[in-house]
């Protein structure tokens, strides 16, 4: 059996998977939440991730008592900046992926290195989401903390450090730091030097299924795992999620709606968008890459609406109301730019909006408009794939957007082609478990692991594609109008 751990934004999930791909146990523990002192700021406490991980691990170990965990794999929210001192102590709360305060640092990088040169070196533009820009913000605004940094890592790598005492990071996760030579699959000494980041701060790099550490005595005592258990490098949430969905060959695409939303396509070579609208990363599997577009406020949009306007209603109640509303929400539209937007706008100052409100619109209209607006935002990435010649042969759904019947149907309608639902719905944690199993030889390769364990449960065909295609055309007009209103 293999343990997968997913250090997400809202909580940490642990799953136990056997060699047939059966999920034998699954437990989750919620995080304390996101601290946002100012608009656009987003921080979390690494110690809270560790607390949640211990609780989730304890839950699945209790459920599978008497069985042996052969290996552990980790995944989690990407881009977060965890800073430790020379003694391995956390120096400040982590700036996480959706933090948008670092646009000045992005501008500085573009001036220092150049927009085109940065894409040449890292395959990606400078964005506030990326780890490097967060480090530069700390250097500018908290130099006393910057001076104490000895180690930099991402969220799931901090949890692995607490379990093993080792500093390590996988290629896919490292691709989202803006410090990796994605084409060469190594740290970019040139970017680090130009940005003023010591190479000694950066952890050792491994491919996703490589065993990079073992549970030490402190980790064993804290988690209940056996000391010496192998730990694979794993991947960021999108890379591990793609493994868990079998997205490894060109033409295979996933659309995942979690807190953020991601459209992910596997490629056999690094495909660069010269305008930086898509991310080009190393895949979790050795020797392949992927491109992806990201919507910052996907599932977050629905949670925001529920918490702000839902009057205590559950997701199920809100979705039931939305299901009574016709496709297109009777003209009501939502643009999900609650934390700025990455794909395709690269605009940290983009703002969310409802457009087209009338007195006849009910709460159900607003909920459906949110769900459709998120799908429209993900459709933007498919539009870019077509522009860049990236094939789309099949689309598999993941995250919360795959669990609800209405959101599955909306996505099929908006994307304009059938979408697939898989048997296992554990996302990144499932993929992390497969990477761990591959690392100890349960399967000969990541591809073999997916072939043995990933199975399609349902295919959903579009039924309102024409309506949603017209709606998408209207959606595309909103962002330029908002920019005009904001005086940009």
Protein backbone atom coordinates (compact mmCIF):
# COMPACT_ATOMS: atom_id res chain seq x y z
CA UNK A 1 0.00 0.00 0.00
CA UNK A 2 1.11 3.54 -0.74
CA UNK A 3 0.32 6.76 1.11
CA UNK A 4 -0.38 9.97 -0.77
CA UNK A 5 -0.49 13.29 1.08
CA UNK A 6 -1.96 16.47 -0.46
CA UNK A 7 -1.16 19.72 1.37
CA UNK A 8 -3.87 21.86 -0.21
CA UNK A 9 -5.02 25.40 0.45
CA UNK A 10 -8.15 24.56 2.43
CA UNK A 11 -6.81 21.45 4.10
CA UNK A 12 -4.54 18.41 3.93
CA UNK A 13 -5.78 15.04 2.63
CA UNK A 14 -4.16 11.62 3.04
CA UNK A 15 -5.12 8.54 1.02
CA UNK A 16 -3.95 4.94 1.03
CA UNK A 17 -3.92 3.24 -2.39
CA UNK A 18 -3.17 -0.38 -3.26
CA UNK A 19 -1.50 -1.77 -6.39
CA UNK A 20 -4.85 -2.10 -8.17
CA UNK A 21 -5.59 1.58 -7.72
CA UNK A 22 -8.21 1.03 -5.03
CA UNK A 23 -8.47 3.81 -2.44
CA UNK A 24 -8.50 1.94 0.86
CA UNK A 25 -8.66 4.95 3.16
CA UNK A 26 -9.06 8.70 2.84
CA UNK A 27 -9.02 11.38 5.52
CA UNK A 28 -8.78 15.17 5.45
CA UNK A 29 -8.08 17.85 8.01
CA UNK A 30 -8.99 21.49 7.39
CA UNK A 31 -6.48 24.32 7.63
CA UNK A 32 -7.07 27.41 9.72
CA UNK A 33 -7.65 29.42 6.54
CA UNK A 34 -5.95 32.19 4.60
CA UNK A 35 -4.80 35.31 6.43
CA UNK A 36 -5.20 38.42 4.26
CA UNK A 37 -4.05 41.54 6.09
CA UNK A 38 -4.47 43.68 2.98
CA UNK A 39 -6.32 43.27 -0.32
CA UNK A 40 -4.36 40.83 -2.48
CA UNK A 41 -2.32 39.37 0.39
CA UNK A 42 -2.58 35.65 1.22
CA UNK A 43 -0.58 33.89 3.95
CA UNK A 44 -0.72 30.62 5.87
CA UNK A 45 1.22 29.16 8.78
CA UNK A 46 3.41 26.16 7.80
CA UNK A 47 2.94 24.71 11.27
CA UNK A 48 -0.79 24.47 10.54
CA UNK A 49 -0.06 22.35 7.46
CA UNK A 50 2.02 20.02 9.60
CA UNK A 51 -0.73 19.80 12.21
CA UNK A 52 -3.30 18.93 9.53
CA UNK A 53 -0.97 16.41 7.88
CA UNK A 54 -0.46 14.57 11.16
CA UNK A 55 -4.22 14.40 11.72
CA UNK A 56 -4.95 13.14 8.20
CA UNK A 57 -2.17 10.54 8.33
CA UNK A 58 -3.35 9.31 11.73
CA UNK A 59 -6.85 8.89 10.30
CA UNK A 60 -5.85 6.69 7.36
CA UNK A 61 -3.41 4.65 9.43
CA UNK A 62 -6.18 3.90 11.93
CA UNK A 63 -8.47 2.86 9.07
CA UNK A 64 -5.84 0.51 7.62
CA UNK A 65 -4.45 -0.75 10.92
CA UNK A 66 -2.25 -3.81 10.60
CA UNK A 67 -1.19 -3.04 7.03
CA UNK A 68 2.21 -1.79 5.92
CA UNK A 69 2.76 1.48 4.07
CA UNK A 70 5.50 0.71 1.53
CA UNK A 71 6.18 4.29 0.44
CA UNK A 72 4.92 7.86 0.80
CA UNK A 73 4.41 10.53 -1.85
CA UNK A 74 3.57 14.19 -1.34
CA UNK A 75 1.81 16.87 -3.33
CA UNK A 76 0.24 20.21 -2.51
CA UNK A 77 -0.50 23.80 -3.38
CA UNK A 78 2.25 25.20 -5.57
CA UNK A 79 4.36 28.40 -5.49
CA UNK A 80 4.08 29.06 -1.75
CA UNK A 81 7.25 30.52 -0.24
CA UNK A 82 8.37 28.85 2.99
CA UNK A 83 11.49 30.43 4.51
CA UNK A 84 13.58 28.67 7.16
CA UNK A 85 16.64 29.74 9.11
CA UNK A 86 19.82 27.69 9.52
CA UNK A 87 18.18 25.70 12.33
CA UNK A 88 15.20 24.79 10.16
CA UNK A 89 12.80 27.16 11.95
CA UNK A 90 10.08 29.00 10.05
CA UNK A 91 10.93 32.70 9.81
CA UNK A 92 7.50 34.09 8.91
CA UNK A 93 4.11 32.91 7.61
CA UNK A 94 4.32 31.56 4.07
CA UNK A 95 3.20 33.75 1.18
CA UNK A 96 1.00 31.32 -0.75
CA UNK A 97 0.13 30.89 -4.43
CA UNK A 98 -2.74 33.39 -4.60
CA UNK A 99 -0.83 36.26 -2.96
CA UNK A 100 -0.81 39.19 -5.40
CA UNK A 101 1.32 41.79 -3.62
CA UNK A 102 4.48 41.26 -5.67
CA UNK A 103 3.74 43.01 -8.97
CA UNK A 104 6.53 45.57 -8.30
CA UNK A 105 8.96 42.67 -7.94
CA UNK A 106 7.70 41.23 -11.24
CA UNK A 107 8.32 44.59 -12.89
CA UNK A 108 11.83 44.66 -11.42
CA UNK A 109 12.61 41.19 -12.77
CA UNK A 110 11.41 42.20 -16.23
CA UNK A 111 13.67 45.25 -16.12
CA UNK A 112 16.63 43.32 -14.68
CA UNK A 113 16.44 40.18 -16.85
CA UNK A 114 13.98 41.10 -19.59
CA UNK A 115 10.53 39.58 -20.28
CA UNK A 116 11.65 37.52 -23.27
CA UNK A 117 14.93 36.44 -21.67
CA UNK A 118 13.12 35.27 -18.54
CA UNK A 119 10.80 33.08 -20.64
CA UNK A 120 13.86 31.75 -22.50
CA UNK A 121 15.56 30.83 -19.22
CA UNK A 122 12.57 29.50 -17.25
CA UNK A 123 9.80 29.03 -19.88
CA UNK A 124 7.62 31.37 -17.82
CA UNK A 125 7.05 35.08 -17.17
CA UNK A 126 7.37 36.83 -13.82
CA UNK A 127 4.04 36.55 -12.01
CA UNK A 128 3.06 37.47 -8.43
CA UNK A 129 2.11 33.83 -7.84
CA UNK A 130 5.65 32.49 -8.26
CA UNK A 131 8.01 31.80 -5.37
CA UNK A 132 10.87 34.01 -6.54
CA UNK A 133 8.78 37.18 -6.58
CA UNK A 134 7.72 36.49 -2.98
CA UNK A 135 11.36 36.18 -1.91
CA UNK A 136 12.11 39.50 -3.54
CA UNK A 137 9.21 41.13 -1.69
CA UNK A 138 10.61 39.91 1.63
CA UNK A 139 14.04 41.26 0.67
CA UNK A 140 12.52 44.67 -0.05
CA UNK A 141 10.10 44.95 2.85
CA UNK A 142 11.49 42.66 5.58
CA UNK A 143 15.27 42.68 5.12
CA UNK A 144 15.83 41.50 8.69
CA UNK A 145 14.00 38.26 7.83
CA UNK A 146 15.62 37.93 4.41
CA UNK A 147 19.05 38.08 6.06
CA UNK A 148 18.24 34.99 8.14
CA UNK A 149 17.04 32.75 5.30
CA UNK A 150 18.99 29.51 4.87
CA UNK A 151 16.40 27.30 3.13
CA UNK A 152 13.51 28.00 0.74
CA UNK A 153 10.85 25.45 -0.11
CA UNK A 154 7.20 25.00 -1.08
CA UNK A 155 4.35 23.84 1.20
CA UNK A 156 4.42 20.08 0.66
CA UNK A 157 8.22 20.11 0.85
CA UNK A 158 8.00 21.66 4.31
CA UNK A 159 5.77 18.79 5.44
CA UNK A 160 8.29 16.30 4.00
CA UNK A 161 11.05 18.12 5.89
CA UNK A 162 9.13 17.66 9.13
CA UNK A 163 8.69 13.95 8.34
CA UNK A 164 12.24 13.24 7.21
CA UNK A 165 14.58 16.10 8.06
CA UNK A 166 15.53 16.34 4.36
CA UNK A 167 15.40 19.40 2.09
CA UNK A 168 14.19 18.28 -1.32
CA UNK A 169 11.96 19.39 -4.20
CA UNK A 170 10.68 17.76 -7.37
CA UNK A 171 11.10 19.12 -10.91
CA UNK A 172 7.43 19.89 -11.43
CA UNK A 173 7.12 21.90 -8.22
CA UNK A 174 10.41 23.68 -8.88
CA UNK A 175 9.08 24.76 -12.30
CA UNK A 176 6.67 27.07 -10.46
CA UNK A 177 9.34 28.89 -8.49
CA UNK A 178 10.67 30.89 -11.49
CA UNK A 179 14.14 29.64 -10.52
CA UNK A 180 14.21 26.47 -12.64
CA UNK A 181 15.66 25.94 -16.10
CA UNK A 182 12.56 24.02 -17.19
CA UNK A 183 14.06 22.87 -20.48
CA UNK A 184 17.22 21.54 -18.80
CA UNK A 185 15.47 20.29 -15.63
CA UNK A 186 17.93 22.00 -13.27
CA UNK A 187 18.10 25.14 -11.16
CA UNK A 188 18.87 28.24 -13.23
CA UNK A 189 22.10 29.62 -11.80
CA UNK A 190 21.73 32.63 -14.11
CA UNK A 191 18.29 33.63 -12.81
CA UNK A 192 19.32 33.05 -9.19
CA UNK A 193 22.44 35.20 -9.62
CA UNK A 194 20.63 38.03 -11.40
CA UNK A 195 17.87 38.00 -8.78
CA UNK A 196 20.32 37.84 -5.88
CA UNK A 197 19.17 34.48 -4.49
CA UNK A 198 21.94 32.21 -3.13
CA UNK A 199 21.92 28.78 -4.76
CA UNK A 200 22.61 27.29 -1.32
CA UNK A 201 19.05 28.17 -0.31
CA UNK A 202 17.55 25.88 -2.94
CA UNK A 203 16.87 22.21 -2.08
CA UNK A 204 18.13 19.20 -4.03
CA UNK A 205 16.08 18.37 -7.11
CA UNK A 206 14.52 15.00 -7.93
CA UNK A 207 12.16 13.57 -10.51
CA UNK A 208 8.65 12.91 -9.19
CA UNK A 209 8.91 9.16 -8.49
CA UNK A 210 12.49 9.27 -7.13
CA UNK A 211 12.96 8.32 -3.50
CA UNK A 212 14.48 11.43 -1.95
CA UNK A 213 14.15 10.77 1.79
CA UNK A 214 12.99 8.35 4.47
CA UNK A 215 10.83 8.83 7.54
CA UNK A 216 13.15 9.66 10.44
CA UNK A 217 12.59 8.92 14.11
CA UNK A 218 10.97 12.29 14.82
CA UNK A 219 8.68 11.90 11.81
CA UNK A 220 7.76 8.38 12.86
CA UNK A 221 6.86 9.52 16.36
CA UNK A 222 4.75 12.39 15.02
CA UNK A 223 2.88 10.47 12.31
CA UNK A 224 2.81 6.81 13.26
CA UNK A 225 4.61 5.83 10.05
CA UNK A 226 7.49 3.39 10.38
CA UNK A 227 10.95 4.92 10.54
CA UNK A 228 12.83 4.24 7.33
CA UNK A 229 9.72 4.28 5.10
CA UNK A 230 10.77 5.60 1.65
CA UNK A 231 9.42 9.01 0.61
CA UNK A 232 9.16 9.97 -3.07
CA UNK A 233 9.73 13.50 -4.32
CA UNK A 234 6.14 13.74 -5.56
CA UNK A 235 4.89 16.82 -7.40
CA UNK A 236 2.92 20.02 -7.08
CA UNK A 237 -0.83 19.58 -6.96
CA UNK A 238 -1.31 19.96 -10.70
CA UNK A 239 1.46 17.53 -11.65
CA UNK A 240 0.34 14.90 -9.16
CA UNK A 241 -3.29 15.45 -10.11
CA UNK A 242 -2.40 14.85 -13.75
CA UNK A 243 -0.68 11.57 -12.81
CA UNK A 244 -3.77 10.55 -10.85
CA UNK A 245 -5.85 11.25 -13.96
CA UNK A 246 -3.50 9.58 -16.46
CA UNK A 247 -2.60 12.82 -18.28
CA UNK A 248 0.78 11.80 -19.68
CA UNK A 249 0.55 11.54 -23.48
CA UNK A 250 0.19 14.46 -25.93
CA UNK A 251 -3.49 15.12 -26.59
CA UNK A 252 -4.55 14.14 -23.07
CA UNK A 253 -5.91 17.12 -21.14
CA UNK A 254 -7.39 17.65 -17.68
CA UNK A 255 -9.63 20.43 -16.41
CA UNK A 256 -9.49 20.66 -12.64
CA UNK A 257 -11.55 22.97 -10.46
CA UNK A 258 -10.23 23.26 -6.94
CA UNK A 259 -9.62 26.52 -5.12
CA UNK A 260 -7.96 27.57 -8.36
CA UNK A 261 -8.79 26.12 -11.77
CA UNK A 262 -6.30 24.52 -14.14
CA UNK A 263 -6.39 23.22 -17.69
CA UNK A 264 -3.38 20.91 -18.10
CA UNK A 265 -1.97 19.31 -21.27
CA UNK A 266 0.93 16.85 -21.44
CA UNK A 267 3.65 17.53 -24.06
CA UNK A 268 6.73 15.59 -25.15
CA UNK A 269 8.80 18.79 -25.48
CA UNK A 270 8.73 22.10 -23.58
CA UNK A 271 6.25 24.31 -25.46
CA UNK A 272 6.79 28.01 -24.78
CA UNK A 273 4.21 30.76 -25.17
CA UNK A 274 6.25 33.85 -26.06
CA UNK A 275 3.55 36.02 -24.44
CA UNK A 276 3.72 34.06 -21.18
CA UNK A 277 -0.02 33.41 -20.98
CA UNK A 278 0.46 29.69 -20.33
CA UNK A 279 2.84 28.04 -17.88
CA UNK A 280 5.35 25.51 -19.23
CA UNK A 281 6.56 23.15 -16.52
CA UNK A 282 8.37 19.84 -16.15
CA UNK A 283 5.87 17.03 -15.66
CA UNK A 284 5.89 14.81 -12.59
CA UNK A 285 6.96 11.92 -14.82
CA UNK A 286 10.59 11.98 -16.04
CA UNK A 287 11.30 13.13 -19.58
CA UNK A 288 8.02 14.89 -20.33
CA UNK A 289 6.63 18.38 -19.82
CA UNK A 290 3.24 20.06 -19.64
CA UNK A 291 1.54 23.36 -20.37
CA UNK A 292 -1.25 24.74 -18.26
CA UNK A 293 -3.48 27.74 -17.92
CA UNK A 294 -4.63 28.86 -14.48
CA UNK A 295 -7.72 30.61 -13.16
CA UNK A 296 -6.93 31.97 -9.70
CA UNK A 297 -10.49 32.11 -8.37
CA UNK A 298 -12.26 28.96 -9.58
CA UNK A 299 -13.75 26.94 -6.72
CA UNK A 300 -12.83 29.96 -4.63
CA UNK A 301 -15.55 31.88 -6.49
CA UNK A 302 -18.26 29.48 -5.37
CA UNK A 303 -16.95 29.43 -1.82
CA UNK A 304 -16.82 33.24 -1.76
CA UNK A 305 -20.43 33.44 -2.95
CA UNK A 306 -21.59 30.86 -0.41
CA UNK A 307 -19.79 32.51 2.50
CA UNK A 308 -20.79 36.06 1.53
CA UNK A 309 -24.30 35.71 0.08
CA UNK A 310 -25.36 32.14 0.82
CA UNK A 311 -27.13 32.89 4.14
CA UNK A 312 -25.92 29.62 5.62
CA UNK A 313 -26.92 27.47 2.64
CA UNK A 314 -24.86 24.41 1.78
CA UNK A 315 -23.21 23.82 -1.58
CA UNK A 316 -25.84 21.17 -2.25
CA UNK A 317 -28.69 23.60 -1.63
CA UNK A 318 -27.13 26.30 -3.79
CA UNK A 319 -26.41 23.87 -6.61
CA UNK A 320 -29.98 22.56 -6.47
CA UNK A 321 -31.23 26.11 -6.99
CA UNK A 322 -28.78 26.64 -9.86
CA UNK A 323 -29.88 23.43 -11.59
CA UNK A 324 -33.36 24.95 -12.09
CA UNK A 325 -31.88 27.86 -14.07
CA UNK A 326 -31.46 27.47 -17.86
CA UNK A 327 -28.05 27.28 -19.51
CA UNK A 328 -26.67 30.79 -19.91
CA UNK A 329 -28.21 31.98 -16.61
CA UNK A 330 -30.66 34.21 -18.49
CA UNK A 331 -27.86 36.58 -19.41
CA UNK A 332 -26.23 36.92 -15.98
CA UNK A 333 -22.43 36.51 -16.11
CA UNK A 334 -19.56 36.23 -13.62
CA UNK A 335 -15.87 36.94 -14.20
CA UNK A 336 -13.89 35.16 -11.46
CA UNK A 337 -11.02 37.60 -10.90
CA UNK A 338 -11.14 37.61 -7.09
CA UNK A 339 -7.33 37.38 -6.84
CA UNK A 340 -6.40 39.00 -10.14
CA UNK A 341 -5.96 36.61 -13.06
CA UNK A 342 -3.20 34.55 -14.59
CA UNK A 343 -4.41 33.00 -17.86
CA UNK A 344 -4.77 34.70 -20.25
CA UNK A 345 -4.50 38.22 -18.80
CA UNK A 346 -1.42 38.17 -16.52
CA UNK A 347 -3.14 40.91 -14.53
CA UNK A 348 -2.78 41.00 -10.75
CA UNK A 349 -5.16 43.98 -10.62
CA UNK A 350 -8.04 42.32 -12.50
CA UNK A 351 -11.25 42.38 -10.46
CA UNK A 352 -14.27 40.10 -10.31
CA UNK A 353 -17.76 41.21 -11.33
CA UNK A 354 -21.31 40.12 -11.96
CA UNK A 355 -22.57 41.57 -15.23
CA UNK A 356 -26.12 41.74 -16.55
CA UNK A 357 -28.10 41.70 -13.29
CA UNK A 358 -31.87 42.16 -13.60
CA UNK A 359 -34.67 42.18 -11.05
CA UNK A 360 -35.80 38.74 -12.26
CA UNK A 361 -32.54 36.99 -11.37
CA UNK A 362 -32.74 34.69 -8.35
CA UNK A 363 -30.01 33.36 -6.11
CA UNK A 364 -29.95 30.26 -8.31
CA UNK A 365 -29.09 32.46 -11.30
CA UNK A 366 -26.13 33.91 -9.44
CA UNK A 367 -24.86 30.46 -8.44
CA UNK A 368 -25.16 29.10 -11.96
CA UNK A 369 -23.50 32.24 -13.35
CA UNK A 370 -20.55 31.65 -11.00
CA UNK A 371 -20.19 28.06 -12.21
CA UNK A 372 -20.48 29.07 -15.85
CA UNK A 373 -18.06 31.98 -15.41
CA UNK A 374 -15.40 29.69 -13.98
CA UNK A 375 -15.86 27.30 -16.91
CA UNK A 376 -15.61 30.23 -19.37
CA UNK A 377 -12.36 31.26 -17.71
CA UNK A 378 -10.96 27.75 -18.19
CA UNK A 379 -12.19 27.83 -21.80
CA UNK A 380 -9.71 30.69 -22.32
CA UNK A 381 -6.91 28.14 -21.94
CA UNK A 382 -8.44 25.83 -24.55
CA UNK A 383 -8.54 28.84 -26.88
CA UNK A 384 -4.81 29.34 -26.35
CA UNK A 385 -4.13 25.63 -26.92
CA UNK A 386 -5.79 25.94 -30.31
CA UNK A 387 -3.76 29.04 -31.12
CA UNK A 388 -0.48 27.29 -30.23
CA UNK A 389 -1.31 23.99 -31.93
CA UNK A 390 -1.52 21.96 -28.72
CA UNK A 391 -3.78 18.96 -29.42
CA UNK A 392 -6.85 18.17 -27.29
CA UNK A 393 -8.02 14.59 -27.89
CA UNK A 394 -9.70 13.93 -24.55
CA UNK A 395 -10.65 15.97 -21.47
CA UNK A 396 -10.79 14.49 -17.98
CA UNK A 397 -12.34 16.38 -15.08
CA UNK A 398 -10.89 16.69 -11.59
CA UNK A 399 -11.37 18.51 -8.30
CA UNK A 400 -14.65 19.80 -6.91
CA UNK A 401 -15.75 20.61 -10.45
CA UNK A 402 -15.80 16.88 -11.21
CA UNK A 403 -17.83 15.86 -8.17
CA UNK A 404 -20.97 17.87 -8.85
CA UNK A 405 -23.27 16.74 -11.68
CA UNK A 406 -24.22 20.30 -12.69
CA UNK A 407 -20.64 21.56 -12.92
CA UNK A 408 -19.67 18.51 -15.00
CA UNK A 409 -22.49 19.24 -17.43
CA UNK A 410 -21.61 22.94 -17.58
CA UNK A 411 -17.99 22.12 -18.42
CA UNK A 412 -18.97 19.74 -21.23
CA UNK A 413 -21.23 22.46 -22.66
CA UNK A 414 -18.61 25.22 -22.38
CA UNK A 415 -15.71 23.15 -23.72
CA UNK A 416 -17.95 21.89 -26.51
CA UNK A 417 -16.89 18.25 -26.37
CA UNK A 418 -17.37 15.17 -24.18
CA UNK A 419 -15.61 15.09 -20.83
CA UNK A 420 -14.58 12.05 -18.80
CA UNK A 421 -15.07 11.33 -15.11
CA UNK A 422 -12.71 8.88 -13.42
CA UNK A 423 -13.36 6.20 -10.81
CA UNK A 424 -10.89 7.64 -8.29
CA UNK A 425 -11.73 11.17 -7.16
CA UNK A 426 -8.83 11.79 -4.79
CA UNK A 427 -6.92 13.99 -7.23
CA UNK A 428 -3.37 14.90 -6.31
CA UNK A 429 -3.15 12.61 -3.29
CA UNK A 430 -3.94 9.63 -5.53
CA UNK A 431 -1.25 10.71 -8.02
CA UNK A 432 1.26 11.19 -5.21
CA UNK A 433 0.59 7.62 -4.06
CA UNK A 434 1.21 6.34 -7.60
CA UNK A 435 4.50 8.26 -7.74
CA UNK A 436 5.52 6.68 -4.44
CA UNK A 437 4.66 3.19 -5.69
CA UNK A 438 6.64 3.77 -8.87
CA UNK A 439 9.59 4.91 -6.79
CA UNK A 440 9.79 1.57 -4.98
CA UNK A 441 9.24 -0.54 -8.08
CA UNK A 442 5.58 -1.46 -7.81
CA UNK A 443 5.28 -0.29 -11.42
CA UNK A 444 8.03 0.03 -14.01
CA UNK A 445 7.13 3.64 -14.84
CA UNK A 446 4.63 6.36 -14.10
CA UNK A 447 2.92 5.50 -17.38
CA UNK A 448 2.61 1.86 -16.27
CA UNK A 449 1.20 2.95 -12.91
CA UNK A 450 -1.51 5.00 -14.63
CA UNK A 451 -2.33 2.20 -17.08
CA UNK A 452 -2.86 -0.18 -14.15
CA UNK A 453 -4.93 2.09 -11.92
CA UNK A 454 -6.68 4.95 -13.76
CA UNK A 455 -10.13 4.03 -15.09
CA UNK A 456 -12.90 6.08 -16.73
CA UNK A 457 -16.23 5.83 -14.91
CA UNK A 458 -18.46 8.07 -17.03
CA UNK A 459 -18.48 10.19 -20.19
CA UNK A 460 -20.59 13.38 -20.19
CA UNK A 461 -21.55 14.77 -23.60
CA UNK A 462 -22.49 18.42 -24.18
CA UNK A 463 -26.18 19.28 -24.56
CA UNK A 464 -26.13 23.09 -24.68
CA UNK A 465 -22.89 23.73 -26.55
CA UNK A 466 -24.35 26.37 -28.90
CA UNK A 467 -25.82 28.40 -26.03
CA UNK A 468 -22.57 28.32 -24.11
CA UNK A 469 -20.48 29.16 -27.19
CA UNK A 470 -22.55 32.33 -27.58
CA UNK A 471 -22.15 33.03 -23.87
CA UNK A 472 -18.39 32.61 -24.11
CA UNK A 473 -18.30 35.22 -26.87
CA UNK A 474 -20.02 37.67 -24.53
CA UNK A 475 -17.74 36.68 -21.66
CA UNK A 476 -14.67 37.58 -23.72
CA UNK A 477 -15.94 41.16 -24.02
CA UNK A 478 -16.16 41.77 -20.27
CA UNK A 479 -12.47 41.97 -19.29
CA UNK A 480 -11.62 44.80 -21.76
CA UNK A 481 -14.70 46.69 -20.52
CA UNK A 482 -13.62 46.27 -16.90
CA UNK A 483 -10.14 47.52 -17.74
CA UNK A 484 -11.70 50.64 -19.28
CA UNK A 485 -13.84 51.24 -16.19
CA UNK A 486 -10.80 50.87 -13.94
CA UNK A 487 -8.92 53.42 -16.03
CA UNK A 488 -6.16 50.98 -16.99
